[in-house]
């Protein structure tokens, strides 16, 4: 029961390192290129997490490592993504931000609700859930 908190350390640390990396890269790259680099890392990590969850579902080290890589990429792409969204409309920043995070909430809720229908205590259902969560993030980026 105490391991859950310890497992979260590399994931949060990876996100923090991703934001620091973004801060460094933002001196040389614009928001769009930073977004592409971060998205490429998250896409790679999503595919890797899906493959690991199917082929090695009991290897916690591999799963945590791939999720940490995902969070590193997310740390790199979350700020430019939000900035591009806020600058892409003539609406007020408050309204745009509220709608953006509402969409995040809806996507997360749909993914969580789908887990109840998909999960049946098998490796395939776990992998399918990981795939759904990964594809929700990819489709959200394509919407924008």
N, C-alpha and C. Protein backbone atom coordinates (compact mmCIF):
# COMPACT_ATOMS: atom_id res chain seq x y z
N UNK A 1 0.80 -1.20 0.00
CA UNK A 1 0.00 0.00 0.00
C UNK A 1 0.85 1.26 0.00
N UNK A 2 2.07 1.21 0.46
CA UNK A 2 2.94 2.38 0.45
C UNK A 2 3.68 2.56 -0.87
N UNK A 3 3.67 1.55 -1.73
CA UNK A 3 4.41 1.61 -2.98
C UNK A 3 3.81 2.59 -3.99
N UNK A 4 2.52 2.87 -3.87
CA UNK A 4 1.88 3.73 -4.85
C UNK A 4 2.54 5.11 -4.89
N UNK A 5 2.81 5.68 -3.73
CA UNK A 5 3.46 6.99 -3.68
C UNK A 5 4.86 6.96 -4.25
N UNK A 6 5.58 5.90 -3.98
CA UNK A 6 6.95 5.77 -4.49
C UNK A 6 6.95 5.64 -6.00
N UNK A 7 5.97 4.93 -6.54
CA UNK A 7 5.88 4.73 -7.98
C UNK A 7 5.59 6.05 -8.70
N UNK A 8 4.94 6.98 -8.03
CA UNK A 8 4.60 8.26 -8.64
C UNK A 8 5.80 9.19 -8.78
N UNK A 9 6.85 8.97 -7.99
CA UNK A 9 8.01 9.87 -8.01
C UNK A 9 8.64 9.99 -9.39
N UNK A 10 8.97 8.89 -10.08
CA UNK A 10 9.59 9.07 -11.41
C UNK A 10 8.65 9.71 -12.42
N UNK A 11 7.36 9.50 -12.27
CA UNK A 11 6.40 10.08 -13.21
C UNK A 11 6.34 11.60 -13.04
N UNK A 12 6.21 12.07 -11.81
CA UNK A 12 6.17 13.51 -11.58
C UNK A 12 7.52 14.15 -11.86
N UNK A 13 8.59 13.46 -11.52
CA UNK A 13 9.92 13.98 -11.80
C UNK A 13 10.14 14.14 -13.31
N UNK A 14 9.65 13.19 -14.09
CA UNK A 14 9.78 13.28 -15.54
C UNK A 14 9.02 14.49 -16.08
N UNK A 15 7.82 14.76 -15.54
CA UNK A 15 7.06 15.93 -15.98
C UNK A 15 7.83 17.21 -15.66
N UNK A 16 8.39 17.28 -14.46
CA UNK A 16 9.16 18.47 -14.07
C UNK A 16 10.38 18.64 -14.98
N UNK A 17 11.08 17.56 -15.26
CA UNK A 17 12.24 17.62 -16.16
C UNK A 17 11.81 18.03 -17.57
N UNK A 18 10.64 17.60 -18.00
CA UNK A 18 10.12 18.00 -19.30
C UNK A 18 9.85 19.50 -19.37
N UNK A 19 9.31 20.06 -18.30
CA UNK A 19 9.07 21.51 -18.31
C UNK A 19 10.37 22.30 -18.27
N UNK A 20 11.37 21.78 -17.53
CA UNK A 20 12.68 22.45 -17.53
C UNK A 20 13.35 22.36 -18.90
N UNK A 21 13.19 21.22 -19.55
CA UNK A 21 13.74 21.06 -20.90
C UNK A 21 13.06 22.03 -21.86
N UNK A 22 11.76 22.17 -21.72
CA UNK A 22 11.02 23.12 -22.55
C UNK A 22 11.53 24.54 -22.33
N UNK A 23 11.77 24.89 -21.09
CA UNK A 23 12.28 26.23 -20.79
C UNK A 23 13.61 26.47 -21.52
N UNK A 24 14.46 25.46 -21.53
CA UNK A 24 15.74 25.60 -22.22
C UNK A 24 15.54 25.67 -23.73
N UNK A 25 14.70 24.78 -24.29
CA UNK A 25 14.49 24.75 -25.74
C UNK A 25 13.75 25.98 -26.26
N UNK A 26 12.96 26.62 -25.40
CA UNK A 26 12.19 27.78 -25.86
C UNK A 26 13.08 28.96 -26.21
N UNK A 27 14.34 28.90 -25.78
CA UNK A 27 15.28 29.95 -26.18
C UNK A 27 15.69 29.82 -27.64
N UNK A 28 15.57 28.59 -28.18
CA UNK A 28 16.03 28.31 -29.54
C UNK A 28 14.90 27.99 -30.52
N UNK A 29 13.77 27.52 -30.00
CA UNK A 29 12.68 27.08 -30.87
C UNK A 29 11.40 27.86 -30.57
N UNK A 30 10.54 27.95 -31.57
CA UNK A 30 9.25 28.57 -31.34
C UNK A 30 8.29 27.54 -30.72
N UNK A 31 7.09 27.99 -30.37
CA UNK A 31 6.12 27.13 -29.69
C UNK A 31 5.73 25.92 -30.53
N UNK A 32 5.57 26.15 -31.82
CA UNK A 32 5.13 25.06 -32.70
C UNK A 32 6.15 23.92 -32.74
N UNK A 33 7.43 24.24 -32.86
CA UNK A 33 8.45 23.20 -32.92
C UNK A 33 8.62 22.50 -31.57
N UNK A 34 8.48 23.25 -30.48
CA UNK A 34 8.51 22.63 -29.15
C UNK A 34 7.34 21.67 -28.98
N UNK A 35 6.19 22.07 -29.49
CA UNK A 35 5.01 21.21 -29.44
C UNK A 35 5.24 19.93 -30.22
N UNK A 36 5.83 20.03 -31.40
CA UNK A 36 6.09 18.84 -32.20
C UNK A 36 7.08 17.88 -31.53
N UNK A 37 8.10 18.42 -30.91
CA UNK A 37 9.07 17.57 -30.22
C UNK A 37 8.38 16.86 -29.04
N UNK A 38 7.66 17.61 -28.23
CA UNK A 38 6.96 17.02 -27.09
C UNK A 38 5.92 16.00 -27.52
N UNK A 39 5.18 16.31 -28.60
CA UNK A 39 4.18 15.38 -29.09
C UNK A 39 4.83 14.11 -29.62
N UNK A 40 5.96 14.23 -30.29
CA UNK A 40 6.66 13.04 -30.80
C UNK A 40 7.08 12.13 -29.65
N UNK A 41 7.56 12.73 -28.57
CA UNK A 41 7.96 11.93 -27.41
C UNK A 41 6.75 11.26 -26.79
N UNK A 42 5.65 11.98 -26.64
CA UNK A 42 4.45 11.38 -26.04
C UNK A 42 3.87 10.29 -26.93
N UNK A 43 3.90 10.49 -28.23
CA UNK A 43 3.39 9.46 -29.15
C UNK A 43 4.24 8.19 -29.06
N UNK A 44 5.57 8.36 -29.07
CA UNK A 44 6.46 7.22 -28.93
C UNK A 44 6.20 6.49 -27.61
N UNK A 45 6.08 7.25 -26.53
CA UNK A 45 5.86 6.64 -25.21
C UNK A 45 4.49 5.97 -25.13
N UNK A 46 3.49 6.53 -25.79
CA UNK A 46 2.16 5.90 -25.79
C UNK A 46 2.19 4.54 -26.48
N UNK A 47 2.82 4.52 -27.63
CA UNK A 47 2.93 3.24 -28.36
C UNK A 47 3.74 2.24 -27.54
N UNK A 48 4.83 2.70 -26.94
CA UNK A 48 5.66 1.82 -26.11
C UNK A 48 4.87 1.29 -24.92
N UNK A 49 4.09 2.14 -24.28
CA UNK A 49 3.29 1.72 -23.13
C UNK A 49 2.26 0.67 -23.54
N UNK A 50 1.64 0.86 -24.68
CA UNK A 50 0.67 -0.12 -25.17
C UNK A 50 1.36 -1.46 -25.41
N UNK A 51 2.51 -1.44 -26.06
CA UNK A 51 3.23 -2.69 -26.33
C UNK A 51 3.69 -3.36 -25.04
N UNK A 52 4.21 -2.58 -24.12
CA UNK A 52 4.66 -3.16 -22.85
C UNK A 52 3.49 -3.73 -22.06
N UNK A 53 2.36 -3.03 -22.06
CA UNK A 53 1.21 -3.51 -21.30
C UNK A 53 0.66 -4.81 -21.87
N UNK A 54 0.92 -5.06 -23.14
CA UNK A 54 0.46 -6.32 -23.75
C UNK A 54 1.49 -7.43 -23.57
N UNK A 55 2.75 -7.14 -23.83
CA UNK A 55 3.77 -8.18 -23.81
C UNK A 55 4.42 -8.40 -22.44
N UNK A 56 4.42 -7.40 -21.57
CA UNK A 56 5.03 -7.55 -20.25
C UNK A 56 4.19 -6.83 -19.20
N UNK A 57 2.94 -7.24 -19.01
CA UNK A 57 2.05 -6.49 -18.11
C UNK A 57 2.44 -6.56 -16.64
N UNK A 58 3.26 -7.52 -16.26
CA UNK A 58 3.65 -7.64 -14.86
C UNK A 58 4.96 -6.94 -14.55
N UNK A 59 5.62 -6.40 -15.56
CA UNK A 59 6.89 -5.71 -15.34
C UNK A 59 6.62 -4.24 -15.02
N UNK A 60 6.50 -3.97 -13.74
CA UNK A 60 6.16 -2.62 -13.30
C UNK A 60 7.23 -1.60 -13.69
N UNK A 61 8.49 -2.01 -13.68
CA UNK A 61 9.58 -1.10 -14.05
C UNK A 61 9.42 -0.59 -15.48
N UNK A 62 9.10 -1.47 -16.42
CA UNK A 62 8.94 -1.05 -17.82
C UNK A 62 7.72 -0.15 -18.00
N UNK A 63 6.64 -0.49 -17.33
CA UNK A 63 5.42 0.32 -17.46
C UNK A 63 5.64 1.71 -16.87
N UNK A 64 6.24 1.78 -15.69
CA UNK A 64 6.51 3.09 -15.07
C UNK A 64 7.49 3.88 -15.92
N UNK A 65 8.49 3.21 -16.49
CA UNK A 65 9.47 3.91 -17.34
C UNK A 65 8.80 4.51 -18.57
N UNK A 66 7.94 3.75 -19.22
CA UNK A 66 7.29 4.28 -20.42
C UNK A 66 6.31 5.39 -20.09
N UNK A 67 5.62 5.28 -18.96
CA UNK A 67 4.72 6.36 -18.54
C UNK A 67 5.53 7.60 -18.17
N UNK A 68 6.71 7.41 -17.58
CA UNK A 68 7.57 8.54 -17.24
C UNK A 68 8.05 9.25 -18.50
N UNK A 69 8.39 8.49 -19.53
CA UNK A 69 8.78 9.10 -20.81
C UNK A 69 7.62 9.89 -21.39
N UNK A 70 6.41 9.33 -21.27
CA UNK A 70 5.21 10.03 -21.73
C UNK A 70 5.06 11.37 -21.00
N UNK A 71 5.22 11.35 -19.67
CA UNK A 71 5.06 12.57 -18.89
C UNK A 71 6.17 13.58 -19.19
N UNK A 72 7.37 13.11 -19.51
CA UNK A 72 8.43 14.02 -19.93
C UNK A 72 8.00 14.76 -21.20
N UNK A 73 7.49 14.01 -22.18
CA UNK A 73 7.01 14.64 -23.41
C UNK A 73 5.83 15.55 -23.17
N UNK A 74 4.94 15.13 -22.27
CA UNK A 74 3.78 15.96 -21.95
C UNK A 74 4.22 17.26 -21.28
N UNK A 75 5.24 17.18 -20.44
CA UNK A 75 5.79 18.38 -19.83
C UNK A 75 6.34 19.34 -20.86
N UNK A 76 6.85 18.77 -21.96
CA UNK A 76 7.38 19.62 -23.04
C UNK A 76 6.28 20.19 -23.92
N UNK A 77 5.17 19.49 -24.05
CA UNK A 77 4.19 19.98 -25.02
C UNK A 77 2.97 20.65 -24.39
N UNK A 78 2.76 20.53 -23.09
CA UNK A 78 1.54 21.09 -22.50
C UNK A 78 1.50 22.61 -22.55
N UNK A 79 2.59 23.28 -22.22
CA UNK A 79 2.58 24.75 -22.23
C UNK A 79 2.46 25.32 -23.65
N UNK A 80 3.25 24.84 -24.64
CA UNK A 80 3.06 25.38 -25.99
C UNK A 80 1.68 25.06 -26.56
N UNK A 81 1.16 23.88 -26.21
CA UNK A 81 -0.17 23.49 -26.68
C UNK A 81 -1.22 24.46 -26.17
N UNK A 82 -1.16 24.75 -24.87
CA UNK A 82 -2.12 25.69 -24.29
C UNK A 82 -1.94 27.08 -24.89
N UNK A 83 -0.71 27.50 -25.10
CA UNK A 83 -0.44 28.82 -25.67
C UNK A 83 -0.99 28.93 -27.10
N UNK A 84 -0.77 27.92 -27.90
CA UNK A 84 -1.28 27.93 -29.28
C UNK A 84 -2.80 27.97 -29.29
N UNK A 85 -3.42 27.20 -28.40
CA UNK A 85 -4.89 27.19 -28.32
C UNK A 85 -5.39 28.58 -27.91
N UNK A 86 -4.80 29.17 -26.90
CA UNK A 86 -5.26 30.48 -26.42
C UNK A 86 -5.07 31.57 -27.47
N UNK A 87 -4.03 31.46 -28.27
CA UNK A 87 -3.77 32.47 -29.30
C UNK A 87 -4.52 32.22 -30.60
N UNK A 88 -5.18 31.08 -30.72
CA UNK A 88 -5.79 30.72 -32.01
C UNK A 88 -7.19 31.27 -32.19
N UNK A 89 -7.73 31.93 -31.21
CA UNK A 89 -9.10 32.41 -31.32
C UNK A 89 -9.18 33.88 -30.90
N UNK A 90 -10.22 34.52 -31.36
CA UNK A 90 -10.42 35.92 -30.98
C UNK A 90 -11.25 36.04 -29.70
N UNK A 91 -11.72 34.92 -29.17
CA UNK A 91 -12.48 34.93 -27.92
C UNK A 91 -11.55 35.30 -26.76
N UNK A 92 -12.15 35.65 -25.64
CA UNK A 92 -11.33 36.01 -24.48
C UNK A 92 -10.53 34.80 -24.00
N UNK A 93 -9.40 35.07 -23.39
CA UNK A 93 -8.51 34.00 -22.92
C UNK A 93 -9.20 33.15 -21.85
N UNK A 94 -10.00 33.79 -20.99
CA UNK A 94 -10.71 33.05 -19.94
C UNK A 94 -11.70 32.05 -20.51
N UNK A 95 -12.46 32.47 -21.52
CA UNK A 95 -13.45 31.59 -22.14
C UNK A 95 -12.75 30.46 -22.89
N UNK A 96 -11.69 30.80 -23.60
CA UNK A 96 -10.94 29.79 -24.35
C UNK A 96 -10.32 28.78 -23.42
N UNK A 97 -9.73 29.24 -22.34
CA UNK A 97 -9.11 28.35 -21.36
C UNK A 97 -10.16 27.45 -20.70
N UNK A 98 -11.30 28.01 -20.36
CA UNK A 98 -12.36 27.22 -19.74
C UNK A 98 -12.84 26.13 -20.70
N UNK A 99 -13.02 26.46 -21.97
CA UNK A 99 -13.46 25.47 -22.94
C UNK A 99 -12.40 24.39 -23.16
N UNK A 100 -11.14 24.79 -23.21
CA UNK A 100 -10.05 23.83 -23.39
C UNK A 100 -10.04 22.82 -22.25
N UNK A 101 -10.10 23.29 -21.02
CA UNK A 101 -10.05 22.37 -19.89
C UNK A 101 -11.35 21.59 -19.72
N UNK A 102 -12.46 22.13 -20.20
CA UNK A 102 -13.70 21.36 -20.24
C UNK A 102 -13.56 20.18 -21.21
N UNK A 103 -12.95 20.43 -22.36
CA UNK A 103 -12.71 19.35 -23.33
C UNK A 103 -11.78 18.31 -22.72
N UNK A 104 -10.73 18.74 -22.01
CA UNK A 104 -9.86 17.78 -21.32
C UNK A 104 -10.66 16.92 -20.35
N UNK A 105 -11.57 17.57 -19.60
CA UNK A 105 -12.40 16.86 -18.63
C UNK A 105 -13.29 15.83 -19.33
N UNK A 106 -13.90 16.22 -20.43
CA UNK A 106 -14.79 15.31 -21.16
C UNK A 106 -14.01 14.12 -21.71
N UNK A 107 -12.84 14.38 -22.30
CA UNK A 107 -12.02 13.29 -22.84
C UNK A 107 -11.61 12.33 -21.73
N UNK A 108 -11.19 12.86 -20.59
CA UNK A 108 -10.82 12.01 -19.46
C UNK A 108 -12.00 11.22 -18.92
N UNK A 109 -13.16 11.85 -18.87
CA UNK A 109 -14.36 11.16 -18.38
C UNK A 109 -14.78 10.04 -19.32
N UNK A 110 -14.72 10.30 -20.62
CA UNK A 110 -15.08 9.27 -21.60
C UNK A 110 -14.11 8.09 -21.52
N UNK A 111 -12.82 8.39 -21.40
CA UNK A 111 -11.82 7.31 -21.28
C UNK A 111 -12.07 6.49 -20.01
N UNK A 112 -12.38 7.15 -18.91
CA UNK A 112 -12.66 6.44 -17.66
C UNK A 112 -13.93 5.62 -17.76
N UNK A 113 -14.95 6.17 -18.39
CA UNK A 113 -16.21 5.43 -18.55
C UNK A 113 -16.01 4.21 -19.45
N UNK A 114 -15.20 4.37 -20.49
CA UNK A 114 -14.96 3.24 -21.40
C UNK A 114 -14.22 2.12 -20.69
N UNK A 115 -13.41 2.46 -19.69
CA UNK A 115 -12.68 1.43 -18.95
C UNK A 115 -13.64 0.44 -18.30
N UNK A 116 -14.76 0.94 -17.79
CA UNK A 116 -15.75 0.05 -17.17
C UNK A 116 -16.34 -0.96 -18.15
N UNK A 117 -16.45 -0.57 -19.40
CA UNK A 117 -17.00 -1.48 -20.40
C UNK A 117 -15.95 -2.42 -20.97
N UNK A 118 -14.70 -1.99 -20.97
CA UNK A 118 -13.64 -2.74 -21.62
C UNK A 118 -12.96 -3.72 -20.68
N UNK A 119 -12.75 -3.31 -19.43
CA UNK A 119 -11.91 -4.10 -18.53
C UNK A 119 -12.63 -5.36 -18.04
N UNK A 120 -11.99 -6.50 -18.22
CA UNK A 120 -12.52 -7.76 -17.72
C UNK A 120 -11.42 -8.63 -17.10
N UNK A 121 -10.44 -7.96 -16.50
CA UNK A 121 -9.33 -8.60 -15.78
C UNK A 121 -8.44 -9.45 -16.67
N UNK A 122 -8.28 -9.06 -17.93
CA UNK A 122 -7.35 -9.74 -18.81
C UNK A 122 -6.31 -8.73 -19.30
N UNK A 123 -5.21 -9.26 -19.80
CA UNK A 123 -4.15 -8.40 -20.32
C UNK A 123 -4.64 -7.62 -21.53
N UNK A 124 -5.41 -8.27 -22.39
CA UNK A 124 -5.91 -7.60 -23.59
C UNK A 124 -6.79 -6.40 -23.24
N UNK A 125 -7.63 -6.54 -22.24
CA UNK A 125 -8.50 -5.42 -21.88
C UNK A 125 -7.70 -4.27 -21.27
N UNK A 126 -6.65 -4.59 -20.51
CA UNK A 126 -5.77 -3.55 -19.96
C UNK A 126 -5.06 -2.82 -21.09
N UNK A 127 -4.54 -3.57 -22.06
CA UNK A 127 -3.87 -2.97 -23.21
C UNK A 127 -4.84 -2.11 -24.02
N UNK A 128 -6.05 -2.59 -24.19
CA UNK A 128 -7.05 -1.82 -24.92
C UNK A 128 -7.36 -0.50 -24.20
N UNK A 129 -7.42 -0.53 -22.89
CA UNK A 129 -7.65 0.69 -22.13
C UNK A 129 -6.50 1.68 -22.30
N UNK A 130 -5.27 1.18 -22.24
CA UNK A 130 -4.10 2.05 -22.45
C UNK A 130 -4.18 2.66 -23.86
N UNK A 131 -4.58 1.86 -24.84
CA UNK A 131 -4.70 2.36 -26.21
C UNK A 131 -5.76 3.44 -26.32
N UNK A 132 -6.89 3.25 -25.65
CA UNK A 132 -7.97 4.24 -25.68
C UNK A 132 -7.48 5.56 -25.09
N UNK A 133 -6.81 5.49 -23.94
CA UNK A 133 -6.30 6.72 -23.31
C UNK A 133 -5.29 7.41 -24.21
N UNK A 134 -4.41 6.63 -24.85
CA UNK A 134 -3.41 7.22 -25.75
C UNK A 134 -4.07 7.84 -26.96
N UNK A 135 -5.04 7.15 -27.55
CA UNK A 135 -5.67 7.68 -28.75
C UNK A 135 -6.54 8.89 -28.44
N UNK A 136 -7.09 9.00 -27.23
CA UNK A 136 -7.84 10.19 -26.85
C UNK A 136 -6.94 11.42 -26.87
N UNK A 137 -5.73 11.28 -26.37
CA UNK A 137 -4.79 12.39 -26.38
C UNK A 137 -4.38 12.77 -27.80
N UNK A 138 -4.17 11.78 -28.65
CA UNK A 138 -3.78 12.04 -30.03
C UNK A 138 -4.94 12.71 -30.78
N UNK A 139 -6.16 12.21 -30.58
CA UNK A 139 -7.30 12.80 -31.28
C UNK A 139 -7.59 14.21 -30.79
N UNK A 140 -7.32 14.48 -29.51
CA UNK A 140 -7.51 15.83 -29.00
C UNK A 140 -6.56 16.80 -29.66
N UNK A 141 -5.33 16.35 -29.90
CA UNK A 141 -4.36 17.20 -30.56
C UNK A 141 -4.75 17.44 -32.03
N UNK A 142 -5.34 16.43 -32.67
CA UNK A 142 -5.75 16.59 -34.07
C UNK A 142 -6.94 17.51 -34.22
N UNK A 143 -7.78 17.59 -33.18
CA UNK A 143 -8.93 18.50 -33.22
C UNK A 143 -8.46 19.93 -33.34
N UNK A 144 -7.38 20.24 -32.63
CA UNK A 144 -6.88 21.61 -32.63
C UNK A 144 -6.06 21.81 -33.87
